[in-house]
Amino acid sequence: MTTPPRPSAPRTPAAARGTTTVADRAVRRVAQRAAAETPIPGGVRADGGSAAVRGPSARVGVTVALPYPGVLDASGRAVQRHVTARTAELTGLTVRPVSVHVRALDRRERVPEGTQGPPEASGVCLAEPGPRPARRARRPWSPRRLPVALGALAVAAGCAVLLYDVVAVHAAGRAPAAWRVRLVAWLSAHGPDGGTVTGLAAAGTILLGLWMVALAVTPGRRARLPMAPPDEDTCADLPRGAVAVLLRDSVAVLPAITRVRVRVGRRRARVRAELAFGDRPDALEAVTRAAEDALGGCGLARPPRLRVRLRSGPEVPAAAAVDAGGGTPG
């Protein structure tokens, strides 16, 4: 009786023999450690990371909390450069520019002039209320890229067409375009009181001028709420959508709350929640407290006035809705 031969173990290819393979988990830990060691004032807190090794190269990402106040773009670039260089040095891999995701900002106290050593992160969330500056917080001015681009494009197109016709008439000896002849004839026969068409054109021009003046004297960005700056050199804001998400998430985690709808305006924040079971007054108090804490934690210069409305679900016998107004003064 003969024994069948055992299948041979898979052999390592010749090109891969004698090589060292670095696991993704090891690269991720090295990147997180390198992010925490970034030499910037206030320090960096590494909250997570990711790594994918493909042969001799690796893609790395880190999630960090940066110190605030500070120049955030410069801090982010410093973290990216340090993590990229340090990870490549310690692992021997070719590391592409690291993806840096800023999850939070850690407020740090300013170090008085003449003291030694960089300030350390206090661990206090940026949203904690602090002393308000005397300067009134305002929204940053919008660059108005779309209106400027549309206006410049329309003017450039009109000037290009007119210039082409004028050059064709004077340089090539062609006859003027029919549209220019008709336009000149119509303008010569119609004055400011030339009828409905002239009046509509004048009204449109006036409205366009008023719109451009409004764009010039207003900051825009009505969808953003200004934050309370820690000093006169810092300006920050939050999208109203982000504030609505924070309010919704803070209320949705409460027990017995099944549905939450939030609408945040410039002056008012409305929270509507649905109660599945439990005591209504206690639930209303918990929802109001959670919404107030979330709204106060945003660090807004002028928090919108909070209005909470709690209604019963189909399982709750009481059908009357409970309404709580007030909360954070506007």
C-alpha atoms as a PDB file:
ATOM      1  CA  MET A   1       0.000   0.000   0.000  1.00  0.00           C
ATOM      2  CA  THR A   2       1.429   3.266  -1.044  1.00  0.00           C
ATOM      3  CA  THR A   3       0.830   6.536   0.743  1.00  0.00           C
ATOM      4  CA  PRO A   4      -0.222   9.420  -1.506  1.00  0.00           C
ATOM      5  CA  PRO A   5       2.306  12.221  -1.514  1.00  0.00           C
ATOM      6  CA  ARG A   6       1.504  15.140   0.685  1.00  0.00           C
ATOM      7  CA  PRO A   7       0.886  18.451  -1.023  1.00  0.00           C
ATOM      8  CA  SER A   8       3.920  20.649  -0.753  1.00  0.00           C
ATOM      9  CA  ALA A   9       3.646  23.924   1.134  1.00  0.00           C
ATOM     10  CA  PRO A  10       3.410  27.032  -1.017  1.00  0.00           C
ATOM     11  CA  ARG A  11       6.821  28.384  -1.716  1.00  0.00           C
ATOM     12  CA  THR A  12       7.789  32.005  -1.339  1.00  0.00           C
ATOM     13  CA  PRO A  13       8.623  33.608  -4.671  1.00  0.00           C
ATOM     14  CA  ALA A  14      12.299  34.272  -5.183  1.00  0.00           C
ATOM     15  CA  ALA A  15      11.752  38.023  -5.415  1.00  0.00           C
ATOM     16  CA  ALA A  16      10.093  38.063  -1.977  1.00  0.00           C
ATOM     17  CA  ARG A  17      12.684  35.983  -0.158  1.00  0.00           C
ATOM     18  CA  GLY A  18      14.704  37.794   2.467  1.00  0.00           C
ATOM     19  CA  THR A  19      12.331  40.789   2.599  1.00  0.00           C
ATOM     20  CA  THR A  20      10.703  42.304   5.677  1.00  0.00           C
ATOM     21  CA  THR A  21       6.961  42.936   5.565  1.00  0.00           C
ATOM     22  CA  VAL A  22       5.613  45.714   7.774  1.00  0.00           C
ATOM     23  CA  ALA A  23       2.033  45.169   8.919  1.00  0.00           C
ATOM     24  CA  ASP A  24      -0.625  47.826   8.482  1.00  0.00           C
ATOM     25  CA  ARG A  25      -1.198  47.954  12.223  1.00  0.00           C
ATOM     26  CA  ALA A  26       2.468  48.696  12.898  1.00  0.00           C
ATOM     27  CA  VAL A  27       2.527  51.503  10.346  1.00  0.00           C
ATOM     28  CA  ARG A  28      -0.657  52.963  11.838  1.00  0.00           C
ATOM     29  CA  ARG A  29       0.827  53.000  15.329  1.00  0.00           C
ATOM     30  CA  VAL A  30       4.040  54.580  14.082  1.00  0.00           C
ATOM     31  CA  ALA A  31       2.038  57.289  12.310  1.00  0.00           C
ATOM     32  CA  GLN A  32      -0.068  58.036  15.394  1.00  0.00           C
ATOM     33  CA  ARG A  33       3.041  58.255  17.543  1.00  0.00           C
ATOM     34  CA  ALA A  34       4.706  60.544  15.028  1.00  0.00           C
ATOM     35  CA  ALA A  35       1.631  62.789  14.947  1.00  0.00           C
ATOM     36  CA  ALA A  36       1.667  63.115  18.741  1.00  0.00           C
ATOM     37  CA  GLU A  37       5.364  64.070  18.592  1.00  0.00           C
ATOM     38  CA  THR A  38       4.903  66.888  16.071  1.00  0.00           C
ATOM     39  CA  PRO A  39       6.926  69.863  17.393  1.00  0.00           C
ATOM     40  CA  ILE A  40       4.341  72.647  17.355  1.00  0.00           C
ATOM     41  CA  PRO A  41       3.307  74.932  20.247  1.00  0.00           C
ATOM     42  CA  GLY A  42       0.522  73.373  22.272  1.00  0.00           C
ATOM     43  CA  GLY A  43       1.174  69.835  21.122  1.00  0.00           C
ATOM     44  CA  VAL A  44      -0.958  67.505  19.015  1.00  0.00           C
ATOM     45  CA  ARG A  45      -3.331  64.814  20.272  1.00  0.00           C
ATOM     46  CA  ALA A  46      -3.602  61.768  18.019  1.00  0.00           C
ATOM     47  CA  ASP A  47      -7.118  60.267  18.146  1.00  0.00           C
ATOM     48  CA  GLY A  48      -6.810  57.620  15.456  1.00  0.00           C
ATOM     49  CA  GLY A  49      -5.265  56.638  12.189  1.00  0.00           C
ATOM     50  CA  SER A  50      -5.260  54.322   9.213  1.00  0.00           C
ATOM     51  CA  ALA A  51      -2.598  52.666   7.087  1.00  0.00           C
ATOM     52  CA  ALA A  52      -2.533  50.489   3.992  1.00  0.00           C
ATOM     53  CA  VAL A  53       0.758  48.917   2.901  1.00  0.00           C
ATOM     54  CA  ARG A  54       1.108  47.954  -0.754  1.00  0.00           C
ATOM     55  CA  GLY A  55       4.526  46.532  -1.461  1.00  0.00           C
ATOM     56  CA  PRO A  56       7.222  49.132  -0.768  1.00  0.00           C
ATOM     57  CA  SER A  57       4.753  52.026  -0.379  1.00  0.00           C
ATOM     58  CA  ALA A  58       2.079  52.934   2.127  1.00  0.00           C
ATOM     59  CA  ARG A  59      -0.932  55.195   2.398  1.00  0.00           C
ATOM     60  CA  VAL A  60      -1.306  56.718   5.852  1.00  0.00           C
ATOM     61  CA  GLY A  61      -3.972  58.867   7.491  1.00  0.00           C
ATOM     62  CA  VAL A  62      -4.150  60.308  10.992  1.00  0.00           C
ATOM     63  CA  THR A  63      -6.958  61.882  13.004  1.00  0.00           C
ATOM     64  CA  VAL A  64      -5.719  64.589  15.348  1.00  0.00           C
ATOM     65  CA  ALA A  65      -6.800  67.407  17.641  1.00  0.00           C
ATOM     66  CA  LEU A  66      -4.873  70.626  17.047  1.00  0.00           C
ATOM     67  CA  PRO A  67      -4.159  73.355  19.607  1.00  0.00           C
ATOM     68  CA  TYR A  68      -6.279  76.497  19.480  1.00  0.00           C
ATOM     69  CA  PRO A  69      -5.795  79.404  19.103  1.00  0.00           C
ATOM     70  CA  GLY A  70      -3.211  78.931  16.420  1.00  0.00           C
ATOM     71  CA  VAL A  71      -2.646  78.969  12.671  1.00  0.00           C
ATOM     72  CA  LEU A  72      -4.557  75.831  11.775  1.00  0.00           C
ATOM     73  CA  ASP A  73      -3.363  75.444   8.188  1.00  0.00           C
ATOM     74  CA  ALA A  74       0.275  75.790   9.249  1.00  0.00           C
ATOM     75  CA  SER A  75      -0.253  73.306  12.085  1.00  0.00           C
ATOM     76  CA  GLY A  76      -1.887  70.832   9.709  1.00  0.00           C
ATOM     77  CA  ARG A  77       0.969  71.106   7.222  1.00  0.00           C
ATOM     78  CA  ALA A  78       3.499  70.640  10.031  1.00  0.00           C
ATOM     79  CA  VAL A  79       1.718  67.459  11.157  1.00  0.00           C
ATOM     80  CA  GLN A  80       1.589  66.170   7.582  1.00  0.00           C
ATOM     81  CA  ARG A  81       5.288  66.789   6.924  1.00  0.00           C
ATOM     82  CA  HIS A  82       6.421  65.350  10.266  1.00  0.00           C
ATOM     83  CA  VAL A  83       4.280  62.209  10.063  1.00  0.00           C
ATOM     84  CA  THR A  84       5.283  61.567   6.444  1.00  0.00           C
ATOM     85  CA  ALA A  85       9.004  61.920   7.119  1.00  0.00           C
ATOM     86  CA  ARG A  86       9.015  60.105  10.459  1.00  0.00           C
ATOM     87  CA  THR A  87       6.924  57.158   9.252  1.00  0.00           C
ATOM     88  CA  ALA A  88       9.114  56.713   6.184  1.00  0.00           C
ATOM     89  CA  GLU A  89      12.235  56.878   8.357  1.00  0.00           C
ATOM     90  CA  LEU A  90      11.071  54.307  10.906  1.00  0.00           C
ATOM     91  CA  THR A  91       9.420  51.816   8.540  1.00  0.00           C
ATOM     92  CA  GLY A  92      11.627  52.111   5.470  1.00  0.00           C
ATOM     93  CA  LEU A  93       8.564  52.444   3.251  1.00  0.00           C
ATOM     94  CA  THR A  94       7.791  55.041   0.646  1.00  0.00           C
ATOM     95  CA  VAL A  95       5.061  57.048   2.362  1.00  0.00           C
ATOM     96  CA  ARG A  96       2.861  59.294   0.295  1.00  0.00           C
ATOM     97  CA  PRO A  97       1.759  62.648   1.768  1.00  0.00           C
ATOM     98  CA  VAL A  98      -0.237  61.783   4.858  1.00  0.00           C
ATOM     99  CA  SER A  99      -3.944  62.592   5.010  1.00  0.00           C
ATOM    100  CA  VAL A 100      -4.611  64.670   8.135  1.00  0.00           C
ATOM    101  CA  HIS A 101      -8.165  64.796   9.521  1.00  0.00           C
ATOM    102  CA  VAL A 102      -8.736  67.395  12.246  1.00  0.00           C
ATOM    103  CA  ARG A 103     -11.452  66.094  14.558  1.00  0.00           C
ATOM    104  CA  ALA A 104     -11.277  68.685  17.356  1.00  0.00           C
ATOM    105  CA  LEU A 105      -9.491  71.767  18.604  1.00  0.00           C
ATOM    106  CA  ASP A 106      -7.919  71.854  22.058  1.00  0.00           C
ATOM    107  CA  ARG A 107      -7.959  75.211  23.729  1.00  0.00           C
ATOM    108  CA  ARG A 108      -4.620  76.191  25.261  1.00  0.00           C
ATOM    109  CA  GLU A 109      -3.675  79.088  27.441  1.00  0.00           C
ATOM    110  CA  ARG A 110      -1.331  81.673  26.028  1.00  0.00           C
ATOM    111  CA  VAL A 111       2.106  81.699  27.605  1.00  0.00           C
ATOM    112  CA  PRO A 112       3.110  85.148  28.906  1.00  0.00           C
ATOM    113  CA  GLU A 113       6.091  86.703  27.230  1.00  0.00           C
ATOM    114  CA  GLY A 114       9.377  85.871  28.925  1.00  0.00           C
ATOM    115  CA  THR A 115       8.361  82.391  30.095  1.00  0.00           C
ATOM    116  CA  GLN A 116      10.232  79.318  28.940  1.00  0.00           C
ATOM    117  CA  GLY A 117       8.852  76.287  27.217  1.00  0.00           C
ATOM    118  CA  PRO A 118       5.911  75.811  24.891  1.00  0.00           C
ATOM    119  CA  PRO A 119       2.391  75.892  26.308  1.00  0.00           C
ATOM    120  CA  GLU A 120       0.743  72.574  26.913  1.00  0.00           C
ATOM    121  CA  ALA A 121      -2.738  71.684  25.780  1.00  0.00           C
ATOM    122  CA  SER A 122      -5.165  72.117  28.624  1.00  0.00           C
ATOM    123  CA  GLY A 123      -7.563  69.485  27.278  1.00  0.00           C
ATOM    124  CA  VAL A 124     -10.486  71.904  27.496  1.00  0.00           C
ATOM    125  CA  CYS A 125     -12.774  71.784  24.510  1.00  0.00           C
ATOM    126  CA  LEU A 126     -12.832  74.828  22.292  1.00  0.00           C
ATOM    127  CA  ALA A 127     -16.543  75.166  22.848  1.00  0.00           C
ATOM    128  CA  GLU A 128     -16.258  75.775  26.569  1.00  0.00           C
ATOM    129  CA  PRO A 129     -17.488  79.282  27.357  1.00  0.00           C
ATOM    130  CA  GLY A 130     -14.722  81.706  28.245  1.00  0.00           C
ATOM    131  CA  PRO A 131     -14.274  85.424  28.659  1.00  0.00           C
ATOM    132  CA  ARG A 132     -15.848  87.249  25.776  1.00  0.00           C
ATOM    133  CA  PRO A 133     -13.695  89.812  23.973  1.00  0.00           C
ATOM    134  CA  ALA A 134     -14.752  93.420  23.821  1.00  0.00           C
ATOM    135  CA  ARG A 135     -14.741  93.318  20.023  1.00  0.00           C
ATOM    136  CA  ARG A 136     -18.037  92.271  18.506  1.00  0.00           C
ATOM    137  CA  ALA A 137     -17.820  89.045  16.536  1.00  0.00           C
ATOM    138  CA  ARG A 138     -18.902  89.327  12.914  1.00  0.00           C
ATOM    139  CA  ARG A 139     -19.216  86.978   9.999  1.00  0.00           C
ATOM    140  CA  PRO A 140     -16.225  86.909   7.641  1.00  0.00           C
ATOM    141  CA  TRP A 141     -16.827  88.629   4.337  1.00  0.00           C
ATOM    142  CA  SER A 142     -17.689  86.440   1.398  1.00  0.00           C
ATOM    143  CA  PRO A 143     -15.464  86.808  -1.681  1.00  0.00           C
ATOM    144  CA  ARG A 144     -18.605  86.746  -3.898  1.00  0.00           C
ATOM    145  CA  ARG A 145     -16.883  84.592  -6.482  1.00  0.00           C
ATOM    146  CA  LEU A 146     -20.025  83.539  -8.356  1.00  0.00           C
ATOM    147  CA  PRO A 147     -21.580  87.035  -8.814  1.00  0.00           C
ATOM    148  CA  VAL A 148     -18.208  88.496  -9.770  1.00  0.00           C
ATOM    149  CA  ALA A 149     -17.531  85.687 -12.232  1.00  0.00           C
ATOM    150  CA  LEU A 150     -20.979  85.974 -13.841  1.00  0.00           C
ATOM    151  CA  GLY A 151     -20.747  89.764 -14.112  1.00  0.00           C
ATOM    152  CA  ALA A 152     -17.236  89.678 -15.522  1.00  0.00           C
ATOM    153  CA  LEU A 153     -18.196  86.957 -18.000  1.00  0.00           C
ATOM    154  CA  ALA A 154     -21.243  88.879 -19.245  1.00  0.00           C
ATOM    155  CA  VAL A 155     -19.314  92.149 -19.630  1.00  0.00           C
ATOM    156  CA  ALA A 156     -16.384  90.400 -21.318  1.00  0.00           C
ATOM    157  CA  ALA A 157     -18.685  88.618 -23.778  1.00  0.00           C
ATOM    158  CA  GLY A 158     -20.480  91.847 -24.715  1.00  0.00           C
ATOM    159  CA  CYS A 159     -17.238  93.782 -25.114  1.00  0.00           C
ATOM    160  CA  ALA A 160     -15.710  90.982 -27.203  1.00  0.00           C
ATOM    161  CA  VAL A 161     -18.644  90.911 -29.621  1.00  0.00           C
ATOM    162  CA  LEU A 162     -18.683  94.714 -29.951  1.00  0.00           C
ATOM    163  CA  LEU A 163     -14.896  94.905 -30.385  1.00  0.00           C
ATOM    164  CA  TYR A 164     -14.950  92.213 -33.066  1.00  0.00           C
ATOM    165  CA  ASP A 165     -17.574  94.106 -35.062  1.00  0.00           C
ATOM    166  CA  VAL A 166     -15.756  97.453 -34.748  1.00  0.00           C
ATOM    167  CA  VAL A 167     -12.412  95.934 -35.812  1.00  0.00           C
ATOM    168  CA  ALA A 168     -14.076  94.148 -38.733  1.00  0.00           C
ATOM    169  CA  VAL A 169     -15.615  97.446 -39.934  1.00  0.00           C
ATOM    170  CA  HIS A 170     -12.494  99.615 -39.634  1.00  0.00           C
ATOM    171  CA  ALA A 171      -9.759  97.079 -40.432  1.00  0.00           C
ATOM    172  CA  ALA A 172     -11.395  94.800 -42.990  1.00  0.00           C
ATOM    173  CA  GLY A 173     -13.833  97.282 -44.516  1.00  0.00           C
ATOM    174  CA  ARG A 174     -16.881  95.153 -43.800  1.00  0.00           C
ATOM    175  CA  ALA A 175     -20.358  96.513 -43.247  1.00  0.00           C
ATOM    176  CA  PRO A 176     -21.512  96.924 -39.634  1.00  0.00           C
ATOM    177  CA  ALA A 177     -23.410  94.022 -38.169  1.00  0.00           C
ATOM    178  CA  ALA A 178     -27.167  94.158 -38.539  1.00  0.00           C
ATOM    179  CA  TRP A 179     -27.762  93.932 -34.790  1.00  0.00           C
ATOM    180  CA  ARG A 180     -25.559  96.997 -34.157  1.00  0.00           C
ATOM    181  CA  VAL A 181     -27.314  99.009 -36.867  1.00  0.00           C
ATOM    182  CA  ARG A 182     -30.741  98.163 -35.455  1.00  0.00           C
ATOM    183  CA  LEU A 183     -29.592  98.905 -31.884  1.00  0.00           C
ATOM    184  CA  VAL A 184     -28.216 102.339 -32.824  1.00  0.00           C
ATOM    185  CA  ALA A 185     -31.380 103.155 -34.787  1.00  0.00           C
ATOM    186  CA  TRP A 186     -33.614 102.103 -31.910  1.00  0.00           C
ATOM    187  CA  LEU A 187     -31.615 104.099 -29.336  1.00  0.00           C
ATOM    188  CA  SER A 188     -31.717 107.213 -31.518  1.00  0.00           C
ATOM    189  CA  ALA A 189     -35.507 106.980 -31.808  1.00  0.00           C
ATOM    190  CA  HIS A 190     -36.312 106.212 -28.161  1.00  0.00           C
ATOM    191  CA  GLY A 191     -35.473 108.437 -25.228  1.00  0.00           C
ATOM    192  CA  PRO A 192     -35.862 107.931 -21.474  1.00  0.00           C
ATOM    193  CA  ASP A 193     -39.651 108.203 -21.878  1.00  0.00           C
ATOM    194  CA  GLY A 194     -39.798 105.943 -24.880  1.00  0.00           C
ATOM    195  CA  GLY A 195     -42.423 103.509 -23.635  1.00  0.00           C
ATOM    196  CA  THR A 196     -42.772 100.293 -21.709  1.00  0.00           C
ATOM    197  CA  VAL A 197     -39.601  98.640 -22.996  1.00  0.00           C
ATOM    198  CA  THR A 198     -37.431 101.571 -21.949  1.00  0.00           C
ATOM    199  CA  GLY A 199     -39.108 101.719 -18.545  1.00  0.00           C
ATOM    200  CA  LEU A 200     -38.581  98.013 -17.948  1.00  0.00           C
ATOM    201  CA  ALA A 201     -34.940  98.297 -18.988  1.00  0.00           C
ATOM    202  CA  ALA A 202     -34.438 101.235 -16.627  1.00  0.00           C
ATOM    203  CA  ALA A 203     -36.125  99.391 -13.768  1.00  0.00           C
ATOM    204  CA  GLY A 204     -33.974  96.329 -14.397  1.00  0.00           C
ATOM    205  CA  THR A 205     -30.832  98.455 -14.413  1.00  0.00           C
ATOM    206  CA  ILE A 206     -31.831 100.084 -11.119  1.00  0.00           C
ATOM    207  CA  LEU A 207     -32.536  96.717  -9.504  1.00  0.00           C
ATOM    208  CA  LEU A 208     -29.221  95.371 -10.754  1.00  0.00           C
ATOM    209  CA  GLY A 209     -27.424  98.385  -9.307  1.00  0.00           C
ATOM    210  CA  LEU A 210     -29.162  97.999  -5.941  1.00  0.00           C
ATOM    211  CA  TRP A 211     -28.265  94.306  -5.898  1.00  0.00           C
ATOM    212  CA  MET A 212     -24.604  95.090  -6.561  1.00  0.00           C
ATOM    213  CA  VAL A 213     -24.613  97.743  -3.815  1.00  0.00           C
ATOM    214  CA  ALA A 214     -26.131  95.220  -1.392  1.00  0.00           C
ATOM    215  CA  LEU A 215     -23.419  92.730  -2.307  1.00  0.00           C
ATOM    216  CA  ALA A 216     -20.766  95.370  -1.671  1.00  0.00           C
ATOM    217  CA  VAL A 217     -21.969  96.513   1.773  1.00  0.00           C
ATOM    218  CA  THR A 218     -23.103  93.184   3.293  1.00  0.00           C
ATOM    219  CA  PRO A 219     -20.789  90.372   4.427  1.00  0.00           C
ATOM    220  CA  GLY A 220     -22.863  87.527   3.030  1.00  0.00           C
ATOM    221  CA  ARG A 221     -22.456  83.954   4.244  1.00  0.00           C
ATOM    222  CA  ARG A 222     -25.800  84.018   6.009  1.00  0.00           C
ATOM    223  CA  ALA A 223     -25.593  80.237   6.404  1.00  0.00           C
ATOM    224  CA  ARG A 224     -22.713  80.619   8.888  1.00  0.00           C
ATOM    225  CA  LEU A 225     -22.808  81.714  12.537  1.00  0.00           C
ATOM    226  CA  PRO A 226     -19.849  83.657  14.018  1.00  0.00           C
ATOM    227  CA  MET A 227     -18.019  82.087  16.942  1.00  0.00           C
ATOM    228  CA  ALA A 228     -16.703  83.926  19.986  1.00  0.00           C
ATOM    229  CA  PRO A 229     -13.032  84.607  19.159  1.00  0.00           C
ATOM    230  CA  PRO A 230     -10.463  84.140  21.931  1.00  0.00           C
ATOM    231  CA  ASP A 231      -8.597  87.280  20.844  1.00  0.00           C
ATOM    232  CA  GLU A 232      -8.812  90.128  18.358  1.00  0.00           C
ATOM    233  CA  ASP A 233      -6.660  88.367  15.765  1.00  0.00           C
ATOM    234  CA  THR A 234      -8.823  85.256  15.420  1.00  0.00           C
ATOM    235  CA  CYS A 235     -12.030  84.917  13.404  1.00  0.00           C
ATOM    236  CA  ALA A 236     -14.042  81.700  13.186  1.00  0.00           C
ATOM    237  CA  ASP A 237     -17.552  80.628  12.261  1.00  0.00           C
ATOM    238  CA  LEU A 238     -19.724  77.522  12.080  1.00  0.00           C
ATOM    239  CA  PRO A 239     -22.198  76.481   9.373  1.00  0.00           C
ATOM    240  CA  ARG A 240     -25.769  76.420  10.588  1.00  0.00           C
ATOM    241  CA  GLY A 241     -26.031  72.895   9.227  1.00  0.00           C
ATOM    242  CA  ALA A 242     -23.215  71.766  11.518  1.00  0.00           C
ATOM    243  CA  VAL A 243     -24.958  73.312  14.525  1.00  0.00           C
ATOM    244  CA  ALA A 244     -28.171  71.531  13.540  1.00  0.00           C
ATOM    245  CA  VAL A 245     -26.328  68.198  13.326  1.00  0.00           C
ATOM    246  CA  LEU A 246     -24.813  68.710  16.787  1.00  0.00           C
ATOM    247  CA  LEU A 247     -28.216  69.511  18.282  1.00  0.00           C
ATOM    248  CA  ARG A 248     -29.856  66.548  16.581  1.00  0.00           C
ATOM    249  CA  ASP A 249     -27.168  64.081  17.662  1.00  0.00           C
ATOM    250  CA  SER A 250     -27.192  65.318  21.269  1.00  0.00           C
ATOM    251  CA  VAL A 251     -30.963  64.830  21.518  1.00  0.00           C
ATOM    252  CA  ALA A 252     -31.185  61.607  19.494  1.00  0.00           C
ATOM    253  CA  VAL A 253     -29.008  59.674  21.972  1.00  0.00           C
ATOM    254  CA  LEU A 254     -31.480  60.240  24.813  1.00  0.00           C
ATOM    255  CA  PRO A 255     -33.635  57.266  25.839  1.00  0.00           C
ATOM    256  CA  ALA A 256     -37.209  57.095  24.544  1.00  0.00           C
ATOM    257  CA  ILE A 257     -36.527  59.689  21.811  1.00  0.00           C
ATOM    258  CA  THR A 258     -37.313  58.155  18.424  1.00  0.00           C
ATOM    259  CA  ARG A 259     -37.340  61.060  15.988  1.00  0.00           C
ATOM    260  CA  VAL A 260     -35.619  64.439  16.067  1.00  0.00           C
ATOM    261  CA  ARG A 261     -35.931  67.336  13.653  1.00  0.00           C
ATOM    262  CA  VAL A 262     -33.801  70.442  14.036  1.00  0.00           C
ATOM    263  CA  ARG A 263     -33.902  73.735  12.206  1.00  0.00           C
ATOM    264  CA  VAL A 264     -31.314  76.411  12.984  1.00  0.00           C
ATOM    265  CA  GLY A 265     -31.766  79.984  11.837  1.00  0.00           C
ATOM    266  CA  ARG A 266     -29.746  83.096  12.456  1.00  0.00           C
ATOM    267  CA  ARG A 267     -31.738  84.000  15.594  1.00  0.00           C
ATOM    268  CA  ARG A 268     -33.702  80.880  16.534  1.00  0.00           C
ATOM    269  CA  ALA A 269     -33.005  77.168  16.842  1.00  0.00           C
ATOM    270  CA  ARG A 270     -36.041  74.865  16.805  1.00  0.00           C
ATOM    271  CA  VAL A 271     -35.814  71.297  18.082  1.00  0.00           C
ATOM    272  CA  ARG A 272     -38.760  68.943  17.574  1.00  0.00           C
ATOM    273  CA  ALA A 273     -38.545  65.515  19.180  1.00  0.00           C
ATOM    274  CA  GLU A 274     -40.902  62.563  19.430  1.00  0.00           C
ATOM    275  CA  LEU A 275     -41.300  60.632  22.690  1.00  0.00           C
ATOM    276  CA  ALA A 276     -41.914  56.890  22.433  1.00  0.00           C
ATOM    277  CA  PHE A 277     -42.484  56.156  26.130  1.00  0.00           C
ATOM    278  CA  GLY A 278     -41.773  57.487  29.600  1.00  0.00           C
ATOM    279  CA  ASP A 279     -42.606  60.551  31.656  1.00  0.00           C
ATOM    280  CA  ARG A 280     -43.184  63.598  29.480  1.00  0.00           C
ATOM    281  CA  PRO A 281     -42.001  66.384  31.834  1.00  0.00           C
ATOM    282  CA  ASP A 282     -38.783  64.540  32.622  1.00  0.00           C
ATOM    283  CA  ALA A 283     -38.190  63.809  28.956  1.00  0.00           C
ATOM    284  CA  LEU A 284     -38.798  67.453  28.042  1.00  0.00           C
ATOM    285  CA  GLU A 285     -36.344  68.579  30.687  1.00  0.00           C
ATOM    286  CA  ALA A 286     -33.720  66.112  29.453  1.00  0.00           C
ATOM    287  CA  VAL A 287     -34.179  67.167  25.823  1.00  0.00           C
ATOM    288  CA  THR A 288     -33.979  70.854  26.730  1.00  0.00           C
ATOM    289  CA  ARG A 289     -30.877  70.335  28.839  1.00  0.00           C
ATOM    290  CA  ALA A 290     -29.135  68.307  26.124  1.00  0.00           C
ATOM    291  CA  ALA A 291     -29.979  70.882  23.463  1.00  0.00           C
ATOM    292  CA  GLU A 292     -28.801  73.758  25.663  1.00  0.00           C
ATOM    293  CA  ASP A 293     -25.522  71.986  26.414  1.00  0.00           C
ATOM    294  CA  ALA A 294     -24.918  71.267  22.734  1.00  0.00           C
ATOM    295  CA  LEU A 295     -25.773  74.813  21.700  1.00  0.00           C
ATOM    296  CA  GLY A 296     -23.621  76.313  24.435  1.00  0.00           C
ATOM    297  CA  GLY A 297     -20.800  73.980  23.463  1.00  0.00           C
ATOM    298  CA  CYS A 298     -20.639  75.420  19.958  1.00  0.00           C
ATOM    299  CA  GLY A 299     -18.937  78.558  21.270  1.00  0.00           C
ATOM    300  CA  LEU A 300     -21.117  80.945  19.263  1.00  0.00           C
ATOM    301  CA  ALA A 301     -20.797  84.669  19.817  1.00  0.00           C
ATOM    302  CA  ARG A 302     -24.579  85.160  19.633  1.00  0.00           C
ATOM    303  CA  PRO A 303     -26.270  81.796  20.233  1.00  0.00           C
ATOM    304  CA  PRO A 304     -29.709  81.535  18.621  1.00  0.00           C
ATOM    305  CA  ARG A 305     -32.738  81.407  20.886  1.00  0.00           C
ATOM    306  CA  LEU A 306     -33.608  77.784  21.607  1.00  0.00           C
ATOM    307  CA  ARG A 307     -37.138  76.439  21.271  1.00  0.00           C
ATOM    308  CA  VAL A 308     -37.859  72.782  22.123  1.00  0.00           C
ATOM    309  CA  ARG A 309     -41.081  70.990  21.222  1.00  0.00           C
ATOM    310  CA  LEU A 310     -41.795  67.428  22.404  1.00  0.00           C
ATOM    311  CA  ARG A 311     -44.684  65.440  21.001  1.00  0.00           C
ATOM    312  CA  SER A 312     -45.968  61.998  21.881  1.00  0.00           C
ATOM    313  CA  GLY A 313     -45.573  58.976  19.676  1.00  0.00           C
ATOM    314  CA  PRO A 314     -48.427  56.589  18.938  1.00  0.00           C
ATOM    315  CA  GLU A 315     -47.547  54.475  21.992  1.00  0.00           C
ATOM    316  CA  VAL A 316     -47.943  57.324  24.492  1.00  0.00           C
ATOM    317  CA  PRO A 317     -51.555  57.878  25.630  1.00  0.00           C
ATOM    318  CA  ALA A 318     -51.226  61.636  26.069  1.00  0.00           C
ATOM    319  CA  ALA A 319     -51.563  63.289  22.687  1.00  0.00           C
ATOM    320  CA  ALA A 320     -50.953  66.873  23.659  1.00  0.00           C
ATOM    321  CA  ALA A 321     -47.550  68.251  22.725  1.00  0.00           C
ATOM    322  CA  VAL A 322     -45.320  69.868  25.292  1.00  0.00           C
ATOM    323  CA  ASP A 323     -43.606  73.088  24.301  1.00  0.00           C
ATOM    324  CA  ALA A 324     -40.639  74.702  26.006  1.00  0.00           C
ATOM    325  CA  GLY A 325     -39.428  78.075  24.851  1.00  0.00           C
ATOM    326  CA  GLY A 326     -36.374  80.017  25.787  1.00  0.00           C
ATOM    327  CA  GLY A 327     -33.179  78.331  26.797  1.00  0.00           C
ATOM    328  CA  THR A 328     -30.266  80.298  25.430  1.00  0.00           C
ATOM    329  CA  PRO A 329     -30.871  84.026  25.125  1.00  0.00           C
ATOM    330  CA  GLY A 330     -30.421  85.513  21.700  1.00  0.00           C
END
